[in-house]
Protein backbone atom coordinates (compact mmCIF):
# COMPACT_ATOMS: atom_id res chain seq x y z
CA MET A 1 -9.47 15.83 19.54
CA GLN A 2 -6.49 17.96 18.62
CA ARG A 3 -4.08 16.45 16.15
CA ASN A 4 -0.91 17.56 14.43
CA LYS A 5 2.12 16.08 12.72
CA ASP A 6 3.44 14.85 16.08
CA SER A 7 0.31 12.88 16.98
CA GLN A 8 0.42 9.10 16.96
CA ARG A 9 0.17 8.00 13.34
CA ILE A 10 -3.03 6.52 11.98
CA TRP A 11 -1.91 3.94 9.44
CA LEU A 12 -3.35 2.77 6.13
CA SER A 13 -2.90 -0.96 6.79
CA THR A 14 -0.25 -2.62 8.97
CA PRO A 15 0.48 -6.17 10.15
CA THR A 16 -1.56 -7.47 13.07
CA MET A 17 0.16 -10.20 15.07
CA HIS A 18 -1.65 -12.40 17.58
CA GLY A 19 1.12 -14.38 19.29
CA ASP A 20 0.10 -17.69 17.75
CA GLU A 21 2.79 -17.17 15.16
CA MET A 22 5.59 -17.64 17.71
CA LYS A 23 4.90 -21.30 18.47
CA TYR A 24 5.51 -22.22 14.84
CA ILE A 25 8.60 -20.02 14.62
CA GLU A 26 9.99 -21.47 17.85
CA GLU A 27 9.38 -25.01 16.63
CA ALA A 28 11.37 -24.23 13.49
CA PHE A 29 14.27 -23.03 15.66
CA GLU A 30 14.02 -26.00 18.01
CA ARG A 31 14.13 -28.43 15.10
CA ASN A 32 16.88 -26.39 13.40
CA TRP A 33 14.76 -26.10 10.26
CA VAL A 34 15.00 -22.45 9.33
CA ALA A 35 15.82 -22.69 5.63
CA PRO A 36 13.35 -22.81 2.72
CA LEU A 37 11.15 -25.94 2.68
CA GLY A 38 10.14 -27.78 5.83
CA PHE A 39 7.15 -28.78 7.95
CA ASN A 40 5.73 -25.24 8.28
CA VAL A 41 5.86 -24.73 4.52
CA ASP A 42 4.10 -28.03 3.86
CA ALA A 43 1.45 -27.32 6.48
CA PHE A 44 0.89 -23.72 5.36
CA GLU A 45 0.29 -24.91 1.80
CA LYS A 46 -2.20 -27.55 2.95
CA GLU A 47 -4.00 -25.22 5.38
CA THR A 48 -4.34 -22.55 2.68
CA ALA A 49 -5.71 -25.09 0.19
CA ASP A 50 -8.17 -26.34 2.82
CA TYR A 51 -9.33 -22.77 3.48
CA LEU A 52 -9.94 -22.16 -0.24
CA ALA A 53 -12.24 -25.22 -0.19
CA GLN A 54 -11.70 -26.18 -3.82
CA ASP A 55 -9.68 -28.84 -5.61
CA VAL A 56 -6.54 -26.71 -5.90
CA HIS A 57 -2.80 -27.21 -5.36
CA THR A 58 -0.78 -24.60 -3.49
CA LEU A 59 2.92 -23.70 -3.53
CA ALA A 60 4.37 -21.31 -0.94
CA LEU A 61 6.86 -18.82 -2.38
CA ASN A 62 8.91 -15.85 -1.17
CA ALA A 63 6.67 -13.22 -2.81
CA GLY A 64 3.39 -12.82 -4.61
CA THR A 65 5.40 -11.50 -7.55
CA ALA A 66 7.36 -14.76 -7.68
CA ALA A 67 4.06 -16.64 -7.75
CA LEU A 68 2.82 -14.47 -10.62
CA HIS A 69 6.02 -15.06 -12.55
CA LEU A 70 5.66 -18.82 -12.25
CA ALA A 71 1.98 -18.56 -13.21
CA VAL A 72 2.99 -16.68 -16.36
CA LYS A 73 5.51 -19.42 -17.18
CA LEU A 74 2.99 -22.18 -16.52
CA ALA A 75 0.57 -20.43 -18.88
CA GLY A 76 3.19 -20.77 -21.61
CA VAL A 77 3.81 -17.05 -22.15
CA LYS A 78 6.78 -16.53 -24.46
CA ALA A 79 8.75 -13.62 -25.84
CA GLY A 80 6.69 -11.73 -28.41
CA ASP A 81 3.33 -12.82 -26.98
CA ARG A 82 0.64 -10.41 -25.83
CA VAL A 83 -1.07 -10.76 -22.45
CA PHE A 84 -4.25 -8.91 -21.53
CA CYS A 85 -3.71 -7.32 -18.11
CA THR A 86 -5.74 -5.34 -15.60
CA ASP A 87 -4.91 -1.69 -16.18
CA MET A 88 -5.70 -0.18 -12.78
CA THR A 89 -3.50 -2.23 -10.46
CA PHE A 90 -0.08 -2.32 -8.83
CA ALA A 91 2.86 -2.87 -11.18
CA ALA A 92 3.56 -6.30 -9.66
CA THR A 93 0.52 -7.65 -11.51
CA VAL A 94 2.06 -6.75 -14.84
CA ASN A 95 5.84 -6.93 -14.43
CA PRO A 96 6.09 -10.75 -14.60
CA VAL A 97 4.66 -10.63 -18.11
CA THR A 98 7.66 -8.59 -19.17
CA TYR A 99 10.08 -10.96 -17.38
CA GLU A 100 9.23 -13.49 -20.09
CA GLY A 101 9.63 -10.95 -22.88
CA ALA A 102 5.90 -10.61 -23.56
CA THR A 103 3.96 -7.38 -24.04
CA PRO A 104 1.07 -6.38 -21.79
CA VAL A 105 -2.08 -4.96 -23.34
CA PHE A 106 -4.05 -3.11 -20.70
CA ILE A 107 -7.77 -3.58 -20.20
CA ASP A 108 -9.71 -0.67 -18.72
CA ALA A 109 -11.76 -0.88 -15.51
CA GLU A 110 -15.53 -0.81 -15.13
CA ARG A 111 -17.40 1.24 -12.52
CA ASP A 112 -19.29 -1.54 -10.69
CA THR A 113 -16.17 -3.10 -9.11
CA TRP A 114 -13.24 -1.01 -10.42
CA ASN A 115 -11.88 -4.23 -11.94
CA MET A 116 -11.26 -5.41 -15.52
CA ASP A 117 -14.18 -4.55 -17.81
CA PRO A 118 -15.50 -7.68 -19.60
CA ALA A 119 -16.71 -5.52 -22.49
CA ALA A 120 -13.25 -4.02 -22.93
CA LEU A 121 -11.73 -7.52 -22.71
CA GLU A 122 -14.00 -8.72 -25.53
CA LYS A 123 -13.00 -5.67 -27.55
CA ALA A 124 -9.33 -6.49 -26.94
CA PHE A 125 -9.81 -10.02 -28.27
CA GLN A 126 -11.38 -8.55 -31.40
CA LYS A 127 -8.27 -6.46 -31.93
CA TYR A 128 -5.75 -9.13 -30.87
CA PRO A 129 -7.53 -12.48 -31.50
CA ASP A 130 -4.40 -14.60 -31.05
CA THR A 131 -3.91 -13.62 -27.39
CA LYS A 132 -4.07 -16.66 -25.13
CA VAL A 133 -3.56 -15.36 -21.58
CA VAL A 134 -5.53 -12.93 -19.40
CA MET A 135 -4.04 -11.54 -16.16
CA LEU A 136 -6.88 -10.35 -13.91
CA ALA A 137 -6.44 -8.57 -10.54
CA HIS A 138 -9.13 -8.10 -7.89
CA LEU A 139 -8.64 -4.51 -6.77
CA TYR A 140 -8.64 -3.68 -3.04
CA GLY A 141 -10.17 -7.05 -2.18
CA THR A 142 -13.24 -6.62 -4.41
CA PRO A 143 -14.07 -9.55 -6.73
CA ALA A 144 -14.29 -8.83 -10.44
CA LYS A 145 -17.24 -9.76 -12.67
CA MET A 146 -16.14 -13.38 -12.84
CA ASP A 147 -19.03 -14.88 -14.82
CA GLU A 148 -18.54 -12.40 -17.64
CA ILE A 149 -14.72 -12.55 -17.57
CA ILE A 150 -14.70 -16.36 -17.60
CA ALA A 151 -17.25 -16.43 -20.44
CA VAL A 152 -15.03 -14.22 -22.60
CA CYS A 153 -11.93 -16.32 -21.80
CA GLU A 154 -13.70 -19.60 -22.55
CA LYS A 155 -15.09 -18.22 -25.81
CA ARG A 156 -11.54 -17.33 -26.87
CA ASN A 157 -9.89 -20.44 -25.35
CA ALA A 158 -7.68 -18.20 -23.23
CA ILE A 159 -6.00 -19.07 -19.93
CA LEU A 160 -7.07 -16.95 -16.96
CA ILE A 161 -4.45 -16.02 -14.34
CA GLU A 162 -6.08 -14.62 -11.23
CA ASP A 163 -4.11 -12.10 -9.16
CA ALA A 164 -5.88 -12.38 -5.79
CA ALA A 165 -3.02 -10.70 -3.91
CA GLU A 166 -5.42 -8.19 -2.35
CA ALA A 167 -8.45 -10.49 -2.19
CA PHE A 168 -7.64 -13.43 0.10
CA SER A 169 -10.90 -14.49 1.85
CA ALA A 170 -13.11 -12.52 -0.59
CA GLU A 171 -15.84 -14.48 -2.35
CA TYR A 172 -17.83 -14.40 -5.57
CA LYS A 173 -21.14 -16.28 -5.41
CA GLY A 174 -19.87 -18.22 -2.39
CA ARG A 175 -16.54 -19.25 -3.91
CA LYS A 176 -13.20 -17.94 -2.71
CA MET A 177 -11.13 -15.70 -4.96
CA GLY A 178 -8.00 -17.43 -6.19
CA THR A 179 -9.95 -20.51 -7.27
CA PHE A 180 -11.40 -19.25 -10.56
CA GLY A 181 -8.26 -18.99 -12.69
CA LYS A 182 -6.33 -21.92 -14.12
CA TYR A 183 -3.52 -20.34 -12.12
CA ALA A 184 -3.83 -17.83 -9.30
CA ILE A 185 -1.77 -16.16 -6.59
CA LEU A 186 -2.08 -14.76 -3.09
CA SER A 187 0.17 -12.24 -1.36
CA PHE A 188 1.24 -12.13 2.29
CA ASN A 189 3.07 -8.81 2.12
CA GLY A 190 3.15 -6.75 5.31
CA ASN A 191 0.10 -4.64 4.46
CA LYS A 192 -2.17 -7.48 3.30
CA ILE A 193 -5.13 -8.90 5.20
CA ILE A 194 -2.82 -11.52 6.73
CA THR A 195 0.94 -11.42 6.46
CA THR A 196 4.03 -13.57 6.65
CA SER A 197 6.14 -10.37 6.52
CA GLY A 198 6.69 -11.14 2.86
CA GLY A 199 5.64 -14.08 0.75
CA GLY A 200 3.05 -15.42 -1.62
CA MET A 201 1.19 -18.52 -2.69
CA LEU A 202 0.81 -19.98 -6.17
CA ILE A 203 -2.46 -21.79 -6.78
CA THR A 204 -2.64 -24.30 -9.63
CA ASP A 205 -5.34 -26.56 -10.99
CA THR A 206 -3.21 -29.71 -11.11
CA GLU A 207 -0.50 -31.40 -9.05
CA GLU A 208 1.59 -31.64 -12.22
CA ALA A 209 1.60 -27.83 -12.60
CA LYS A 210 2.57 -27.42 -8.95
CA LYS A 211 5.50 -29.84 -9.39
CA LYS A 212 6.72 -27.93 -12.46
CA ALA A 213 6.51 -24.62 -10.58
CA PHE A 214 8.37 -26.19 -7.63
CA PHE A 215 11.10 -27.28 -10.03
CA TRP A 216 11.53 -23.75 -11.36
CA ALA A 217 11.33 -22.24 -7.87
CA THR A 218 14.20 -24.41 -6.61
CA GLN A 219 16.72 -23.43 -9.31
CA ALA A 220 15.43 -25.99 -11.85
CA ARG A 221 17.80 -28.69 -10.67
CA ASP A 222 17.55 -31.85 -12.78
CA ALA A 223 17.16 -35.30 -11.21
CA ALA A 224 20.84 -36.16 -11.34
CA PRO A 225 23.46 -37.03 -8.65
CA TRP A 226 25.36 -33.86 -9.52
CA TYR A 227 24.16 -30.28 -10.01
CA GLN A 228 22.70 -30.33 -13.51
CA HIS A 229 20.35 -27.77 -15.05
CA SER A 230 18.49 -28.00 -18.37
CA GLU A 231 16.26 -24.97 -17.72
CA ILE A 232 16.63 -21.58 -16.08
CA GLY A 233 15.48 -21.68 -12.47
CA TYR A 234 14.84 -19.25 -9.63
CA ASN A 235 15.32 -19.03 -5.87
CA TYR A 236 11.65 -18.47 -5.07
CA ARG A 237 10.78 -20.83 -2.19
CA MET A 238 9.33 -19.65 1.12
CA SER A 239 11.35 -19.99 4.31
CA ASN A 240 10.13 -22.38 7.01
CA ILE A 241 10.13 -19.50 9.51
CA VAL A 242 8.08 -17.23 7.26
CA ALA A 243 5.61 -20.06 6.66
CA GLY A 244 5.30 -20.43 10.44
CA ILE A 245 4.11 -16.83 10.66
CA GLY A 246 1.53 -17.62 8.00
CA ARG A 247 0.27 -20.65 9.92
CA GLY A 248 -0.25 -18.46 12.97
CA GLN A 249 -2.03 -15.80 10.93
CA LEU A 250 -4.35 -18.02 8.89
CA PRO A 251 -6.81 -18.86 11.71
CA HIS A 252 -7.38 -15.10 12.14
CA LEU A 253 -8.08 -14.40 8.46
CA ASP A 254 -11.88 -14.33 8.70
CA GLY A 255 -11.67 -12.22 11.86
CA HIS A 256 -9.48 -9.72 10.02
CA ARG A 257 -11.98 -9.65 7.17
CA ASP A 258 -14.83 -8.93 9.55
CA LEU A 259 -12.92 -6.04 11.16
CA LYS A 260 -12.10 -4.64 7.71
CA GLU A 261 -15.80 -4.70 6.82
CA LYS A 262 -16.72 -2.85 10.02
CA ILE A 263 -14.28 -0.09 9.04
CA TYR A 264 -15.85 0.12 5.56
CA ARG A 265 -19.37 0.24 6.99
CA ARG A 266 -18.51 3.05 9.41
CA TYR A 267 -17.11 5.11 6.56
CA GLU A 268 -20.10 4.24 4.39
CA GLU A 269 -22.61 5.36 7.02
CA ALA A 270 -20.67 8.50 7.98
CA PHE A 271 -20.32 9.73 4.40
CA LYS A 272 -24.02 9.60 3.53
CA GLY A 273 -25.01 12.97 2.15
CA LEU A 274 -21.44 13.90 1.18
CA PRO A 275 -20.39 14.25 -2.48
CA VAL A 276 -18.31 11.07 -2.27
CA LYS A 277 -18.80 7.37 -3.06
CA MET A 278 -17.17 4.34 -1.45
CA ASN A 279 -15.41 1.72 -3.59
CA PRO A 280 -18.26 -0.40 -5.02
CA TYR A 281 -18.84 -4.15 -5.18
CA LEU A 282 -21.36 -6.60 -6.62
CA GLU A 283 -24.19 -7.83 -4.41
CA CYS A 284 -23.34 -11.42 -5.38
CA SER A 285 -19.83 -10.97 -4.00
CA LYS A 286 -18.32 -10.71 -0.54
CA PRO A 287 -15.24 -8.45 -0.61
CA ASN A 288 -12.58 -8.69 2.07
CA PHE A 289 -12.65 -4.86 2.30
CA TRP A 290 -8.84 -4.81 2.44
CA LEU A 291 -8.79 -1.07 1.80
CA SER A 292 -11.69 1.34 2.15
CA CYS A 293 -11.54 3.86 -0.68
CA LEU A 294 -13.69 6.67 -1.99
CA THR A 295 -14.11 8.80 -5.06
CA ILE A 296 -15.07 12.46 -4.90
CA ASN A 297 -17.98 13.48 -7.11
CA GLU A 298 -16.84 15.46 -10.11
CA ASP A 299 -18.90 18.50 -9.18
CA ALA A 300 -17.18 18.65 -5.75
CA MET A 301 -13.60 18.41 -6.97
CA ASP A 302 -13.23 22.19 -6.83
CA LYS A 303 -13.86 22.08 -3.07
CA CYS A 304 -11.41 19.29 -2.33
CA ASP A 305 -9.59 16.91 -4.64
CA PRO A 306 -7.86 13.67 -3.57
CA ASN A 307 -4.40 15.23 -3.46
CA LYS A 308 -5.59 18.06 -1.22
CA LEU A 309 -7.36 15.57 1.06
CA ARG A 310 -4.24 13.40 1.23
CA GLU A 311 -2.11 16.42 2.17
CA ILE A 312 -4.55 17.46 4.90
CA LEU A 313 -4.55 13.95 6.33
CA ASP A 314 -0.77 13.79 6.17
CA SER A 315 -0.49 17.09 8.02
CA LEU A 316 -2.36 15.36 10.88
CA ASN A 317 -0.08 12.28 10.69
CA ILE A 318 -2.76 10.18 9.04
CA GLU A 319 -1.66 7.87 6.24
CA SER A 320 -3.71 7.68 3.06
CA ARG A 321 -2.79 6.72 -0.48
CA PRO A 322 -3.77 7.54 -4.05
CA ILE A 323 -5.72 4.98 -6.02
CA TRP A 324 -3.45 2.80 -8.16
CA LYS A 325 -2.25 4.84 -11.12
CA PRO A 326 -3.30 2.89 -14.24
CA MET A 327 -0.51 0.97 -15.90
CA HIS A 328 -0.99 2.61 -19.29
CA MET A 329 -0.15 5.94 -17.58
CA GLN A 330 3.14 4.61 -16.18
CA PRO A 331 6.28 5.78 -18.00
CA VAL A 332 7.66 2.24 -18.22
CA TYR A 333 4.52 1.06 -20.06
CA ALA A 334 3.80 4.19 -22.08
CA ASP A 335 4.23 2.35 -25.39
CA CYS A 336 1.72 -0.40 -24.55
CA ASP A 337 -1.82 -0.45 -25.88
CA MET A 338 -4.85 0.13 -23.62
CA ILE A 339 -8.33 -1.02 -24.55
CA THR A 340 -11.41 0.69 -23.15
CA ALA A 341 -15.07 0.08 -23.81
CA GLY A 342 -15.90 3.73 -23.32
CA ASP A 343 -14.54 6.60 -21.31
CA ASN A 344 -11.21 5.59 -19.68
CA VAL A 345 -12.77 4.59 -16.37
CA GLY A 346 -9.45 3.85 -14.68
CA GLU A 347 -8.09 7.32 -15.39
CA ASP A 348 -11.23 8.86 -13.91
CA ILE A 349 -11.13 6.76 -10.73
CA PHE A 350 -7.44 7.54 -10.29
CA ALA A 351 -8.13 11.27 -10.69
CA ARG A 352 -10.99 11.32 -8.16
CA GLY A 353 -10.08 8.52 -5.74
CA ILE A 354 -8.18 7.99 -2.50
CA CYS A 355 -7.52 5.05 -0.13
CA LEU A 356 -8.40 5.80 3.49
CA PRO A 357 -6.92 4.32 6.68
CA SER A 358 -8.15 0.74 6.94
CA ASP A 359 -5.93 -0.68 9.68
CA ILE A 360 -7.83 -3.16 11.87
CA LYS A 361 -6.02 -1.84 14.96
CA MET A 362 -7.39 1.66 14.27
CA THR A 363 -9.82 2.61 17.04
CA GLU A 364 -13.30 3.95 16.36
CA GLU A 365 -12.12 7.26 17.82
CA GLU A 366 -9.23 7.37 15.38
CA GLN A 367 -11.50 6.49 12.47
CA GLN A 368 -13.85 9.28 13.56
CA ILE A 369 -10.95 11.72 13.22
CA VAL A 370 -10.50 10.59 9.61
CA ILE A 371 -14.24 10.91 9.01
CA ASP A 372 -14.29 14.41 10.48
CA VAL A 373 -11.41 15.47 8.21
CA VAL A 374 -13.26 14.23 5.12
CA LYS A 375 -16.46 15.97 6.23
CA SER A 376 -14.62 19.22 6.86
CA CYS A 377 -13.49 19.30 3.24
CA PHE A 378 -17.07 19.54 1.98
């Protein structure tokens, strides 16, 4: 199949609507309830909690970042504190730490899942023993080594915040991601496995924590007959219309996950014998395969590196993306410490990795084009 820059674009990951969303949106219009709060918000929170199948409390917010910020506040992070953070992730995982005036300390990745290395986390606690909060992200929908991470946190009496923005529906030993941390978050951004166009969900372990987060998220208005505020608040609540989209998407979540896995498996099978490796995961886990990624073997980098592959794909109107650039390499965090247990795994994965088109509306023929491009490079 001939392709060029004018061919129909093959996307990395885009929203997939099913039509069910409209009945909830239309009901919001019919009942004239289009502002934040409302019946869709309440139902979306309950339906998400039911899906997670654990004793958790959920709060729908206007962004995953807002949820992370409130999680950081609930964890008691204050100015001058240190927080141990996943190094290879999107900046949104880390930025809320700085909102509260704290300093992130970055924890290197490990090669089995590309997530936070428990050995590096233990090493970080040896260097900074007073740290009380760990911010863990599950990269590309792949669960981290939760048993080891939790063991280190419990040993140090540290609070675990779980950034499951990319990992909704993924499981570790049969338990959904977002239910391991004292606080956790989900994201419904446009490119996630399900979307509300924008939005997020805070997950807490108690109703009391949810109520406190709700208070902050609604401008921290005191219980008084006039507008009175004793704390700084935020305008973080999810709109009733946006929540309606989420309600229509949620029943399709497992179907989306299954389609994502089929994309991963086709890549995995097609690349056998090539000097590349797919993003790995633990056998005891069930990723949601949000993005299918690969790393190029070091001895094949002279034939084709990730940037060259990305440029070739782009020339054919195929979207791909670099692996997350580690936070300690970002100019804004250049002065922050990074702890590794060995050989700067995150830097290596970033240098040799690329995210491939993983859109569930991509046809097998379109995916074959991507596969053929990768093969042609080697």
